[in-house]
């Protein structure tokens, strides 16, 4: 069973091992889910990317050192999907707000719904679905293809709201990412690319699970979910605040590798690592996931303590904290930023050069974004 260790050292080991041993065959094998004990055909690096322990830039540069872009283009695209989703949502932040409001309403509506309860407990009549639910809860991870199948079955065969499925994933996934998770569920439903939904089919599951499942009764003729809702696009302000001597730097749980950041050589008086626990979240996370995040924060503290005075604080601490000499690494659309906004905590932010450069290409669909990947790669050494 896959083990995702909450440390930068283990993340680098995983990256190096994948590049050296498995990247060459990634494009050929990536769609196969061989089971929770056989994950070498994918990188399993996403939990580290979500928390900033590894950056997209770092992963791509390591991969390109070993292979030319033409050989590993599919892998690079998959790494940059997360960049794209994040940038897309930054340009349409009200979608995340609507999603949270929908969850609050739907949880009341489906509180005693038997189909919903069977789904989240893995007690449906669909064996593969039940196995994926069990794996998700045990490991905090699922193969990407299985995520697609599960979400499609959830929406179109079990006829459950996509929003509750997205919340279910966020509760357990170690790579649970505000943008990637929410927008991927919308994509499956047919809302993200309007009129184009993803429908799980028995032959596809059978083939790409290496014949592990058969006789799967699914709704294979489902039509896309339709919505008239349009999200107005904004141009986010990604200009850095002024960095002054002796400022206190706040780091949230999405950028937990400060020593490899754009600001590693800046002089800060102190660094505070900010935890967000279930008492201050809209979506309640599994305790194992909260522990994983906490361990990653502790690992970052350990790596910085020889150079900075570092302490870990709960996000609620900021409500009564003097912010006059404080600056923060931008936490992105999601629960951390929500807490700041809801409590009128007005921080000055620092943004990654990578996000400043790539966000302009996130205004349309991924196929448009994909055209700019060579240009993005050509600028990596300047970031």
Protein backbone atom coordinates (compact mmCIF):
# COMPACT_ATOMS: atom_id res chain seq x y z
CA UNK A 1 0.00 0.00 0.00
CA UNK A 2 1.31 3.43 -0.93
CA UNK A 3 3.08 5.37 1.83
CA UNK A 4 3.38 9.16 1.48
CA UNK A 5 5.92 10.34 4.02
CA UNK A 6 5.54 13.92 5.29
CA UNK A 7 9.07 15.18 4.67
CA UNK A 8 11.07 17.08 2.06
CA UNK A 9 13.78 14.40 2.13
CA UNK A 10 11.28 11.68 1.21
CA UNK A 11 9.74 13.91 -1.45
CA UNK A 12 13.12 14.35 -3.13
CA UNK A 13 13.80 10.63 -2.90
CA UNK A 14 10.44 9.93 -4.56
CA UNK A 15 11.13 12.48 -7.30
CA UNK A 16 14.60 11.11 -8.05
CA UNK A 17 13.44 7.50 -8.00
CA UNK A 18 10.57 8.19 -10.39
CA UNK A 19 12.71 10.19 -12.85
CA UNK A 20 15.46 7.57 -12.88
CA UNK A 21 13.33 4.42 -12.97
CA UNK A 22 9.82 5.08 -14.24
CA UNK A 23 9.49 8.37 -16.11
CA UNK A 24 10.57 6.89 -19.45
CA UNK A 25 7.42 4.74 -19.63
CA UNK A 26 5.04 7.22 -18.03
CA UNK A 27 3.13 8.13 -21.21
CA UNK A 28 2.56 4.46 -22.02
CA UNK A 29 1.54 3.25 -18.56
CA UNK A 30 0.09 6.25 -16.73
CA UNK A 31 -3.59 5.40 -17.31
CA UNK A 32 -3.36 1.95 -15.72
CA UNK A 33 -4.45 1.53 -12.13
CA UNK A 34 -2.73 -1.73 -11.18
CA UNK A 35 -3.91 -1.48 -7.56
CA UNK A 36 -2.75 0.30 -4.40
CA UNK A 37 0.42 -1.80 -4.14
CA UNK A 38 1.62 -0.97 -7.66
CA UNK A 39 2.04 2.76 -8.12
CA UNK A 40 5.40 3.02 -9.94
CA UNK A 41 3.70 3.95 -13.22
CA UNK A 42 2.79 7.35 -11.75
CA UNK A 43 4.95 9.77 -9.80
CA UNK A 44 2.81 10.02 -6.61
CA UNK A 45 4.32 13.49 -6.13
CA UNK A 46 1.03 15.42 -6.03
CA UNK A 47 0.76 15.54 -2.19
CA UNK A 48 4.10 17.34 -2.12
CA UNK A 49 3.10 19.76 -4.91
CA UNK A 50 -0.15 20.65 -3.12
CA UNK A 51 1.78 21.66 -0.02
CA UNK A 52 4.66 23.33 -1.87
CA UNK A 53 7.19 20.82 -0.54
CA UNK A 54 8.10 20.30 -4.19
CA UNK A 55 7.36 22.95 -6.81
CA UNK A 56 6.23 22.36 -10.36
CA UNK A 57 9.39 24.13 -11.53
CA UNK A 58 11.59 21.85 -9.48
CA UNK A 59 9.92 18.67 -10.76
CA UNK A 60 10.01 19.78 -14.39
CA UNK A 61 13.66 20.83 -14.26
CA UNK A 62 14.65 17.50 -12.73
CA UNK A 63 12.73 15.60 -15.40
CA UNK A 64 14.18 17.63 -18.29
CA UNK A 65 17.71 17.03 -17.02
CA UNK A 66 17.10 13.34 -17.70
CA UNK A 67 14.95 13.42 -20.87
CA UNK A 68 14.17 15.85 -23.71
CA UNK A 69 10.74 17.54 -23.62
CA UNK A 70 9.53 15.53 -26.62
CA UNK A 71 10.09 12.29 -24.69
CA UNK A 72 8.23 13.38 -21.54
CA UNK A 73 5.74 15.91 -22.85
CA UNK A 74 2.75 14.10 -21.34
CA UNK A 75 4.32 14.10 -17.86
CA UNK A 76 5.09 17.84 -18.09
CA UNK A 77 1.49 18.49 -19.12
CA UNK A 78 0.18 16.55 -16.13
CA UNK A 79 2.41 18.50 -13.74
CA UNK A 80 1.18 21.77 -15.22
CA UNK A 81 -2.51 20.80 -15.01
CA UNK A 82 -2.32 21.78 -11.33
CA UNK A 83 -0.74 25.12 -12.25
CA UNK A 84 -3.48 25.69 -14.81
CA UNK A 85 -6.37 24.77 -12.51
CA UNK A 86 -4.98 27.01 -9.76
CA UNK A 87 -4.54 29.93 -12.15
CA UNK A 88 -8.01 29.39 -13.65
CA UNK A 89 -9.66 29.55 -10.22
CA UNK A 90 -7.64 32.62 -9.17
CA UNK A 91 -9.29 34.37 -12.09
CA UNK A 92 -12.77 33.23 -10.98
CA UNK A 93 -12.70 33.17 -7.15
CA UNK A 94 -16.49 33.38 -6.73
CA UNK A 95 -16.77 29.80 -8.00
CA UNK A 96 -15.08 28.55 -4.81
CA UNK A 97 -17.49 30.60 -2.69
CA UNK A 98 -20.47 29.15 -4.54
CA UNK A 99 -19.07 25.65 -4.08
CA UNK A 100 -18.85 26.05 -0.30
CA UNK A 101 -22.36 27.49 -0.14
CA UNK A 102 -23.66 24.55 -2.20
CA UNK A 103 -22.02 22.08 0.18
CA UNK A 104 -23.63 23.68 3.22
CA UNK A 105 -27.05 23.43 1.59
CA UNK A 106 -26.62 19.92 0.16
CA UNK A 107 -25.26 18.40 3.37
CA UNK A 108 -28.54 19.24 5.06
CA UNK A 109 -30.54 17.93 2.13
CA UNK A 110 -28.64 14.62 1.90
CA UNK A 111 -28.00 14.13 5.62
CA UNK A 112 -30.15 10.99 5.82
CA UNK A 113 -29.93 9.96 2.17
CA UNK A 114 -29.24 6.21 2.00
CA UNK A 115 -27.48 6.30 -1.37
CA UNK A 116 -25.14 9.04 -0.14
CA UNK A 117 -24.37 7.15 3.06
CA UNK A 118 -23.66 3.96 1.16
CA UNK A 119 -21.37 5.86 -1.21
CA UNK A 120 -19.18 7.46 1.46
CA UNK A 121 -19.00 4.17 3.36
CA UNK A 122 -18.19 2.08 0.29
CA UNK A 123 -21.36 0.00 0.60
CA UNK A 124 -22.73 0.30 -2.92
CA UNK A 125 -23.45 -2.53 -5.37
CA UNK A 126 -20.39 -1.50 -7.44
CA UNK A 127 -17.29 -3.41 -6.31
CA UNK A 128 -14.67 -1.16 -7.87
CA UNK A 129 -16.30 1.97 -6.40
CA UNK A 130 -16.27 0.41 -2.93
CA UNK A 131 -12.61 -0.56 -3.30
CA UNK A 132 -11.64 2.97 -4.32
CA UNK A 133 -13.51 4.45 -1.35
CA UNK A 134 -11.65 2.06 0.96
CA UNK A 135 -8.29 2.89 -0.62
CA UNK A 136 -8.95 6.62 -0.39
CA UNK A 137 -9.73 6.39 3.31
CA UNK A 138 -6.78 4.12 4.10
CA UNK A 139 -4.08 5.87 2.07
CA UNK A 140 -5.29 9.39 1.36
CA UNK A 141 -4.56 8.77 -2.31
CA UNK A 142 -6.18 7.46 -5.50
CA UNK A 143 -4.86 6.94 -9.01
CA UNK A 144 -6.04 9.77 -11.26
CA UNK A 145 -7.97 7.44 -13.57
CA UNK A 146 -9.78 5.96 -10.58
CA UNK A 147 -10.68 9.45 -9.42
CA UNK A 148 -12.29 10.04 -12.80
CA UNK A 149 -14.19 6.76 -12.68
CA UNK A 150 -15.32 7.26 -9.08
CA UNK A 151 -16.51 10.81 -9.69
CA UNK A 152 -18.39 9.75 -12.83
CA UNK A 153 -20.11 6.87 -11.03
CA UNK A 154 -20.92 9.18 -8.12
CA UNK A 155 -22.58 11.74 -10.39
CA UNK A 156 -24.16 9.71 -13.18
CA UNK A 157 -24.81 6.21 -11.78
CA UNK A 158 -25.51 7.00 -8.11
CA UNK A 159 -27.08 10.34 -9.06
CA UNK A 160 -25.41 12.27 -6.25
CA UNK A 161 -24.38 15.96 -6.32
CA UNK A 162 -20.85 16.55 -7.59
CA UNK A 163 -20.29 19.08 -4.80
CA UNK A 164 -20.66 16.40 -2.09
CA UNK A 165 -18.28 14.16 -4.01
CA UNK A 166 -15.70 16.94 -4.23
CA UNK A 167 -16.06 17.54 -0.49
CA UNK A 168 -15.62 13.80 0.15
CA UNK A 169 -12.34 13.83 -1.78
CA UNK A 170 -11.10 16.93 0.04
CA UNK A 171 -11.77 15.24 3.36
CA UNK A 172 -9.29 12.45 2.64
CA UNK A 173 -6.91 13.27 -0.22
CA UNK A 174 -3.37 14.12 0.81
CA UNK A 175 -3.09 16.06 -2.43
CA UNK A 176 -6.52 17.65 -1.94
CA UNK A 177 -6.20 20.94 -3.75
CA UNK A 178 -8.84 23.65 -3.81
CA UNK A 179 -8.61 24.25 -7.55
CA UNK A 180 -7.64 20.83 -8.94
CA UNK A 181 -10.23 18.94 -6.93
CA UNK A 182 -13.16 21.32 -7.37
CA UNK A 183 -12.61 21.95 -11.06
CA UNK A 184 -11.92 18.29 -11.87
CA UNK A 185 -15.27 17.30 -10.38
CA UNK A 186 -16.92 20.06 -12.43
CA UNK A 187 -15.14 18.72 -15.51
CA UNK A 188 -16.49 15.21 -14.90
CA UNK A 189 -20.00 16.62 -14.48
CA UNK A 190 -19.82 18.53 -17.76
CA UNK A 191 -19.82 21.98 -16.18
CA UNK A 192 -16.19 22.94 -16.68
CA UNK A 193 -16.11 22.20 -20.41
CA UNK A 194 -19.76 22.87 -21.11
CA UNK A 195 -21.57 20.02 -22.77
CA UNK A 196 -18.68 17.59 -22.34
CA UNK A 197 -18.96 15.22 -19.39
CA UNK A 198 -16.85 12.20 -18.49
CA UNK A 199 -18.83 8.96 -18.46
CA UNK A 200 -17.19 5.89 -16.87
CA UNK A 201 -17.59 2.78 -19.01
CA UNK A 202 -17.22 -0.86 -18.08
CA UNK A 203 -14.75 -1.71 -20.87
CA UNK A 204 -12.51 1.18 -19.88
CA UNK A 205 -12.43 0.27 -16.20
CA UNK A 206 -11.84 -3.38 -17.06
CA UNK A 207 -8.96 -2.59 -19.43
CA UNK A 208 -7.14 -0.04 -17.30
CA UNK A 209 -7.45 -1.98 -14.04
CA UNK A 210 -5.79 -4.92 -15.77
CA UNK A 211 -9.00 -7.00 -15.78
CA UNK A 212 -9.49 -6.68 -12.01
CA UNK A 213 -13.15 -5.70 -12.39
CA UNK A 214 -15.93 -6.92 -14.63
CA UNK A 215 -19.72 -6.98 -14.83
CA UNK A 216 -19.90 -3.36 -13.70
CA UNK A 217 -23.41 -1.96 -14.02
CA UNK A 218 -23.13 1.73 -14.88
CA UNK A 219 -25.14 4.48 -16.49
CA UNK A 220 -23.09 4.78 -19.68
CA UNK A 221 -25.51 7.09 -21.48
CA UNK A 222 -25.47 9.99 -19.04
CA UNK A 223 -25.84 13.53 -20.36
CA UNK A 224 -23.84 16.49 -19.03
CA UNK A 225 -25.10 18.53 -16.11
CA UNK A 226 -26.27 21.92 -17.33
CA UNK A 227 -25.94 25.25 -15.56
CA UNK A 228 -26.61 28.80 -16.71
CA UNK A 229 -24.14 30.16 -14.19
CA UNK A 230 -21.31 32.18 -15.75
CA UNK A 231 -18.27 33.29 -13.78
CA UNK A 232 -16.86 36.71 -14.52
CA UNK A 233 -13.13 36.58 -15.02
CA UNK A 234 -10.83 38.97 -13.17
CA UNK A 235 -7.14 39.74 -13.56
CA UNK A 236 -5.65 38.94 -10.15
CA UNK A 237 -3.15 41.38 -8.70
CA UNK A 238 0.01 39.33 -8.28
CA UNK A 239 2.28 42.27 -7.47
CA UNK A 240 4.52 41.68 -4.47
CA UNK A 241 4.29 43.86 -1.40
CA UNK A 242 7.45 45.70 -0.38
CA UNK A 243 9.85 43.60 1.66
CA UNK A 244 11.35 45.55 4.54
CA UNK A 245 14.04 44.65 7.04
CA UNK A 246 12.96 42.84 10.17
CA UNK A 247 9.51 41.82 8.98
CA UNK A 248 7.75 38.71 10.28
CA UNK A 249 6.98 36.25 7.49
CA UNK A 250 3.88 34.05 7.56
CA UNK A 251 3.90 30.77 5.65
CA UNK A 252 0.74 28.73 5.14
CA UNK A 253 0.50 25.04 4.30
CA UNK A 254 0.74 25.50 0.53
CA UNK A 255 4.36 26.76 0.35
CA UNK A 256 6.29 24.54 2.72
CA UNK A 257 9.73 24.78 1.15
CA UNK A 258 10.82 28.32 1.91
CA UNK A 259 14.49 27.46 1.39
CA UNK A 260 13.78 26.87 -2.31
CA UNK A 261 11.45 29.86 -2.70
CA UNK A 262 11.97 33.15 -4.51
CA UNK A 263 12.45 34.84 -1.13
CA UNK A 264 14.99 32.53 0.52
CA UNK A 265 17.67 35.23 0.64
CA UNK A 266 15.46 37.94 2.12
CA UNK A 267 16.04 39.00 5.71
CA UNK A 268 13.12 38.27 7.97
CA UNK A 269 13.02 38.84 11.70
CA UNK A 270 10.99 35.71 12.32
CA UNK A 271 8.99 33.08 10.44
CA UNK A 272 5.61 31.86 11.63
CA UNK A 273 4.24 28.67 10.08
CA UNK A 274 0.44 28.75 10.09
CA UNK A 275 -1.72 25.68 10.75
CA UNK A 276 -5.39 25.47 9.85
CA UNK A 277 -7.23 22.80 11.83
CA UNK A 278 -10.81 21.59 11.64
CA UNK A 279 -11.99 24.20 14.12
CA UNK A 280 -11.30 26.89 11.50
CA UNK A 281 -12.20 25.04 8.28
CA UNK A 282 -15.41 24.87 6.26
CA UNK A 283 -14.65 21.35 5.04
CA UNK A 284 -13.82 18.99 7.90
CA UNK A 285 -10.72 16.95 7.09
CA UNK A 286 -9.93 13.42 8.18
CA UNK A 287 -7.70 13.43 11.26
CA UNK A 288 -4.97 11.54 9.38
CA UNK A 289 -4.90 14.32 6.80
CA UNK A 290 -4.73 17.00 9.50
CA UNK A 291 -1.83 15.07 11.02
CA UNK A 292 -0.10 14.81 7.61
CA UNK A 293 -0.33 18.58 7.14
CA UNK A 294 0.91 19.17 10.68
CA UNK A 295 3.90 16.87 10.11
CA UNK A 296 4.81 18.69 6.89
CA UNK A 297 4.72 22.01 8.77
CA UNK A 298 6.93 20.57 11.51
CA UNK A 299 9.33 19.29 8.85
CA UNK A 300 9.57 22.79 7.39
CA UNK A 301 10.25 24.20 10.85
CA UNK A 302 13.07 21.70 11.34
CA UNK A 303 14.70 22.66 8.03
CA UNK A 304 14.60 26.40 8.82
CA UNK A 305 15.43 26.53 12.50
CA UNK A 306 19.20 26.92 12.03
CA UNK A 307 18.74 30.08 9.97
CA UNK A 308 15.59 31.68 11.40
CA UNK A 309 13.59 31.90 14.56
CA UNK A 310 10.61 29.76 13.58
CA UNK A 311 7.41 28.95 15.41
CA UNK A 312 4.17 27.22 14.51
CA UNK A 313 0.87 28.98 15.17
CA UNK A 314 -2.77 28.11 14.61
CA UNK A 315 -4.43 30.38 12.05
CA UNK A 316 -6.83 31.72 14.73
CA UNK A 317 -3.77 33.35 16.34
CA UNK A 318 -3.81 35.94 13.54
CA UNK A 319 -7.10 37.44 14.73
CA UNK A 320 -5.35 39.18 17.61
CA UNK A 321 -1.88 39.56 16.11
CA UNK A 322 -0.26 42.93 15.32
CA UNK A 323 0.05 42.88 11.51
CA UNK A 324 1.91 46.18 11.15
CA UNK A 325 5.25 44.50 10.42
CA UNK A 326 4.01 41.28 8.84
CA UNK A 327 4.15 39.90 5.31
CA UNK A 328 2.97 36.51 4.02
CA UNK A 329 3.52 34.05 1.21
CA UNK A 330 0.24 34.04 -0.69
CA UNK A 331 -1.95 31.10 0.41
CA UNK A 332 -4.08 30.96 -2.77
CA UNK A 333 -7.85 30.61 -3.14
CA UNK A 334 -9.05 28.21 -0.45
CA UNK A 335 -9.62 27.73 3.26
CA UNK A 336 -6.62 29.78 4.48
CA UNK A 337 -7.52 32.83 2.42
CA UNK A 338 -11.19 32.38 3.38
CA UNK A 339 -10.29 32.60 7.06
CA UNK A 340 -8.28 35.78 6.48
CA UNK A 341 -11.07 37.43 4.51
CA UNK A 342 -13.87 36.37 6.88
CA UNK A 343 -11.96 37.79 9.85
CA UNK A 344 -10.85 40.94 7.99
CA UNK A 345 -7.18 40.06 8.40
CA UNK A 346 -5.56 42.20 5.73
CA UNK A 347 -2.13 40.82 4.96
CA UNK A 348 0.48 41.97 2.48
CA UNK A 349 1.41 39.11 0.16
CA UNK A 350 4.39 37.78 -1.76
CA UNK A 351 3.71 35.74 -4.91
CA UNK A 352 5.72 33.07 -6.68
CA UNK A 353 7.38 34.23 -9.89
CA UNK A 354 6.09 31.00 -11.43
CA UNK A 355 2.48 31.98 -10.74
CA UNK A 356 3.06 35.56 -11.85
CA UNK A 357 4.34 34.25 -15.18
CA UNK A 358 1.85 31.41 -15.82
CA UNK A 359 -1.42 32.99 -14.65
CA UNK A 360 -1.82 35.01 -17.85
CA UNK A 361 -2.19 31.73 -19.76
CA UNK A 362 -4.99 30.41 -17.49
CA UNK A 363 -7.73 32.61 -18.91
CA UNK A 364 -9.18 29.97 -21.25
CA UNK A 365 -9.19 26.17 -21.54
CA UNK A 366 -6.25 23.86 -20.97
CA UNK A 367 -5.74 23.26 -24.69
CA UNK A 368 -5.05 26.97 -25.03
CA UNK A 369 -2.75 26.85 -21.99
CA UNK A 370 -0.92 23.88 -23.50
CA UNK A 371 0.21 26.01 -26.45
CA UNK A 372 2.25 28.12 -24.06
CA UNK A 373 4.06 25.25 -22.29
CA UNK A 374 7.22 25.56 -24.45
CA UNK A 375 7.30 29.28 -23.62
CA UNK A 376 6.87 28.50 -19.90
CA UNK A 377 9.72 25.99 -20.02
CA UNK A 378 11.99 28.46 -21.79
CA UNK A 379 11.64 30.86 -18.86
CA UNK A 380 12.20 28.39 -15.98
CA UNK A 381 15.83 29.35 -15.50
CA UNK A 382 14.82 33.00 -15.15
CA UNK A 383 12.42 32.28 -12.28
